[in-house]
Amino acid sequence: MTKEAEKENKISGSLGKLEQIVAWFEQQEEVDVELGLLKVKEGAALIKELKEKLKKVENEFEEIKKDLGEE
């Protein structure tokens, strides 16, 4: 698997986990506060991770654009 494919899988996997957390909240009639807090913390960690991954991807695109502009 290429580096790009691995990154895409990791981003897709993190997005999938985040979607599962959102779906869990939507399915609850009454949310257990402690469990809800754990889900929120997990979601926040995923969002932070995704921001970092997306920033790296953005930087790679900028490098590619710069390289193409120099040729």
N, C-alpha and C. Protein backbone atom coordinates (compact mmCIF):
# COMPACT_ATOMS: atom_id res chain seq x y z
N MET A 1 0.85 -1.18 0.00
CA MET A 1 0.00 0.00 0.00
C MET A 1 0.90 1.24 0.00
N THR A 2 0.55 2.22 -0.84
CA THR A 2 1.34 3.44 -0.92
C THR A 2 1.10 4.33 0.29
N LYS A 3 1.99 5.29 0.48
CA LYS A 3 1.84 6.23 1.60
C LYS A 3 0.51 6.97 1.49
N GLU A 4 0.17 7.38 0.26
CA GLU A 4 -1.07 8.13 0.05
C GLU A 4 -2.29 7.28 0.42
N ALA A 5 -2.27 6.02 0.02
CA ALA A 5 -3.39 5.13 0.33
C ALA A 5 -3.50 4.89 1.83
N GLU A 6 -2.35 4.78 2.49
CA GLU A 6 -2.37 4.59 3.94
C GLU A 6 -2.96 5.81 4.64
N LYS A 7 -2.57 7.01 4.19
CA LYS A 7 -3.12 8.23 4.78
C LYS A 7 -4.62 8.30 4.56
N GLU A 8 -5.06 7.96 3.34
CA GLU A 8 -6.49 8.01 3.04
C GLU A 8 -7.25 7.04 3.93
N ASN A 9 -6.69 5.84 4.13
CA ASN A 9 -7.34 4.86 4.99
C ASN A 9 -7.42 5.38 6.42
N LYS A 10 -6.36 6.01 6.90
CA LYS A 10 -6.36 6.51 8.26
C LYS A 10 -7.37 7.65 8.41
N ILE A 11 -7.43 8.54 7.44
CA ILE A 11 -8.39 9.64 7.50
C ILE A 11 -9.80 9.09 7.41
N SER A 12 -10.02 8.19 6.47
CA SER A 12 -11.36 7.59 6.32
C SER A 12 -11.77 6.83 7.58
N GLY A 13 -10.83 6.11 8.16
CA GLY A 13 -11.13 5.36 9.38
C GLY A 13 -11.49 6.27 10.53
N SER A 14 -10.76 7.37 10.68
CA SER A 14 -11.04 8.33 11.75
C SER A 14 -12.40 9.00 11.52
N LEU A 15 -12.69 9.33 10.27
CA LEU A 15 -14.00 9.92 9.97
C LEU A 15 -15.12 8.93 10.27
N GLY A 16 -14.89 7.68 9.96
CA GLY A 16 -15.88 6.64 10.24
C GLY A 16 -16.15 6.51 11.73
N LYS A 17 -15.08 6.56 12.52
CA LYS A 17 -15.24 6.48 13.99
C LYS A 17 -16.01 7.69 14.50
N LEU A 18 -15.72 8.85 13.94
CA LEU A 18 -16.42 10.06 14.35
C LEU A 18 -17.91 9.97 14.00
N GLU A 19 -18.20 9.43 12.82
CA GLU A 19 -19.59 9.24 12.42
C GLU A 19 -20.31 8.27 13.35
N GLN A 20 -19.61 7.24 13.82
CA GLN A 20 -20.21 6.29 14.76
C GLN A 20 -20.56 6.96 16.08
N ILE A 21 -19.70 7.87 16.53
CA ILE A 21 -19.98 8.59 17.78
C ILE A 21 -21.22 9.46 17.61
N VAL A 22 -21.29 10.17 16.50
CA VAL A 22 -22.46 11.02 16.23
C VAL A 22 -23.72 10.16 16.17
N ALA A 23 -23.65 9.03 15.49
CA ALA A 23 -24.81 8.13 15.38
C ALA A 23 -25.22 7.62 16.76
N TRP A 24 -24.25 7.31 17.60
CA TRP A 24 -24.56 6.84 18.95
C TRP A 24 -25.38 7.87 19.69
N PHE A 25 -24.94 9.15 19.64
CA PHE A 25 -25.69 10.21 20.32
C PHE A 25 -27.10 10.35 19.74
N GLU A 26 -27.21 10.25 18.44
CA GLU A 26 -28.52 10.39 17.80
C GLU A 26 -29.48 9.27 18.20
N GLN A 27 -28.95 8.09 18.51
CA GLN A 27 -29.78 6.94 18.86
C GLN A 27 -30.23 6.94 20.32
N GLN A 28 -29.61 7.75 21.14
CA GLN A 28 -29.90 7.74 22.57
C GLN A 28 -31.15 8.57 22.88
N GLU A 29 -32.05 7.99 23.65
CA GLU A 29 -33.19 8.76 24.13
C GLU A 29 -32.76 9.54 25.37
N GLU A 30 -32.01 8.88 26.23
CA GLU A 30 -31.43 9.52 27.40
C GLU A 30 -29.96 9.13 27.43
N VAL A 31 -29.11 10.14 27.44
CA VAL A 31 -27.67 9.89 27.40
C VAL A 31 -27.13 9.77 28.81
N ASP A 32 -26.42 8.68 29.06
CA ASP A 32 -25.70 8.51 30.32
C ASP A 32 -24.58 9.55 30.31
N VAL A 33 -24.54 10.40 31.33
CA VAL A 33 -23.60 11.53 31.35
C VAL A 33 -22.16 11.06 31.28
N GLU A 34 -21.80 10.07 32.06
CA GLU A 34 -20.41 9.60 32.07
C GLU A 34 -20.02 9.00 30.73
N LEU A 35 -20.89 8.17 30.17
CA LEU A 35 -20.61 7.56 28.87
C LEU A 35 -20.60 8.63 27.78
N GLY A 36 -21.52 9.57 27.87
CA GLY A 36 -21.55 10.67 26.90
C GLY A 36 -20.27 11.48 26.94
N LEU A 37 -19.76 11.73 28.14
CA LEU A 37 -18.50 12.47 28.29
C LEU A 37 -17.35 11.72 27.65
N LEU A 38 -17.31 10.41 27.84
CA LEU A 38 -16.27 9.59 27.22
C LEU A 38 -16.34 9.68 25.69
N LYS A 39 -17.56 9.64 25.17
CA LYS A 39 -17.75 9.74 23.71
C LYS A 39 -17.31 11.11 23.21
N VAL A 40 -17.62 12.17 23.96
CA VAL A 40 -17.22 13.52 23.56
C VAL A 40 -15.69 13.63 23.57
N LYS A 41 -15.04 13.08 24.59
CA LYS A 41 -13.58 13.10 24.65
C LYS A 41 -12.98 12.34 23.49
N GLU A 42 -13.54 11.19 23.18
CA GLU A 42 -13.06 10.39 22.06
C GLU A 42 -13.22 11.16 20.75
N GLY A 43 -14.38 11.80 20.59
CA GLY A 43 -14.63 12.60 19.39
C GLY A 43 -13.66 13.76 19.28
N ALA A 44 -13.39 14.43 20.39
CA ALA A 44 -12.46 15.56 20.38
C ALA A 44 -11.06 15.11 19.99
N ALA A 45 -10.65 13.95 20.49
CA ALA A 45 -9.34 13.42 20.14
C ALA A 45 -9.27 13.08 18.65
N LEU A 46 -10.35 12.52 18.12
CA LEU A 46 -10.40 12.20 16.69
C LEU A 46 -10.34 13.47 15.85
N ILE A 47 -11.06 14.50 16.27
CA ILE A 47 -11.05 15.76 15.53
C ILE A 47 -9.64 16.36 15.53
N LYS A 48 -8.99 16.34 16.66
CA LYS A 48 -7.62 16.87 16.74
C LYS A 48 -6.70 16.08 15.81
N GLU A 49 -6.82 14.76 15.84
CA GLU A 49 -6.01 13.89 14.99
C GLU A 49 -6.28 14.18 13.51
N LEU A 50 -7.55 14.33 13.16
CA LEU A 50 -7.92 14.62 11.78
C LEU A 50 -7.39 15.97 11.32
N LYS A 51 -7.45 16.97 12.18
CA LYS A 51 -6.90 18.28 11.82
C LYS A 51 -5.42 18.18 11.49
N GLU A 52 -4.68 17.43 12.30
CA GLU A 52 -3.25 17.26 12.07
C GLU A 52 -2.99 16.53 10.76
N LYS A 53 -3.75 15.47 10.50
CA LYS A 53 -3.59 14.71 9.26
C LYS A 53 -3.92 15.57 8.04
N LEU A 54 -5.02 16.31 8.14
CA LEU A 54 -5.42 17.15 7.02
C LEU A 54 -4.43 18.28 6.77
N LYS A 55 -3.83 18.80 7.82
CA LYS A 55 -2.81 19.84 7.66
C LYS A 55 -1.60 19.28 6.92
N LYS A 56 -1.20 18.04 7.25
CA LYS A 56 -0.08 17.40 6.55
C LYS A 56 -0.41 17.21 5.08
N VAL A 57 -1.63 16.76 4.79
CA VAL A 57 -2.04 16.57 3.40
C VAL A 57 -2.04 17.91 2.67
N GLU A 58 -2.55 18.93 3.32
CA GLU A 58 -2.56 20.26 2.72
C GLU A 58 -1.14 20.72 2.41
N ASN A 59 -0.21 20.50 3.33
CA ASN A 59 1.19 20.87 3.11
C ASN A 59 1.78 20.11 1.92
N GLU A 60 1.43 18.84 1.79
CA GLU A 60 1.92 18.06 0.65
C GLU A 60 1.38 18.61 -0.66
N PHE A 61 0.10 19.00 -0.68
CA PHE A 61 -0.47 19.60 -1.89
C PHE A 61 0.24 20.91 -2.23
N GLU A 62 0.54 21.70 -1.22
CA GLU A 62 1.24 22.96 -1.46
C GLU A 62 2.63 22.71 -2.04
N GLU A 63 3.31 21.68 -1.54
CA GLU A 63 4.63 21.33 -2.07
C GLU A 63 4.53 20.90 -3.53
N ILE A 64 3.52 20.12 -3.84
CA ILE A 64 3.31 19.67 -5.22
C ILE A 64 3.04 20.87 -6.12
N LYS A 65 2.17 21.77 -5.66
CA LYS A 65 1.88 22.97 -6.45
C LYS A 65 3.14 23.79 -6.69
N LYS A 66 3.95 23.92 -5.64
CA LYS A 66 5.19 24.69 -5.74
C LYS A 66 6.13 24.01 -6.76
N ASP A 67 6.26 22.69 -6.67
CA ASP A 67 7.12 21.97 -7.60
C ASP A 67 6.63 22.11 -9.05
N LEU A 68 5.34 22.06 -9.25
CA LEU A 68 4.80 22.20 -10.60
C LEU A 68 5.01 23.62 -11.14
N GLY A 69 4.95 24.59 -10.27
CA GLY A 69 5.13 25.98 -10.68
C GLY A 69 6.56 26.30 -11.05
N GLU A 70 7.50 25.55 -10.52
CA GLU A 70 8.92 25.81 -10.77
C GLU A 70 9.40 25.18 -12.08
N GLU A 71 8.66 24.25 -12.61
CA GLU A 71 9.10 23.57 -13.84
C GLU A 71 8.85 24.39 -15.06
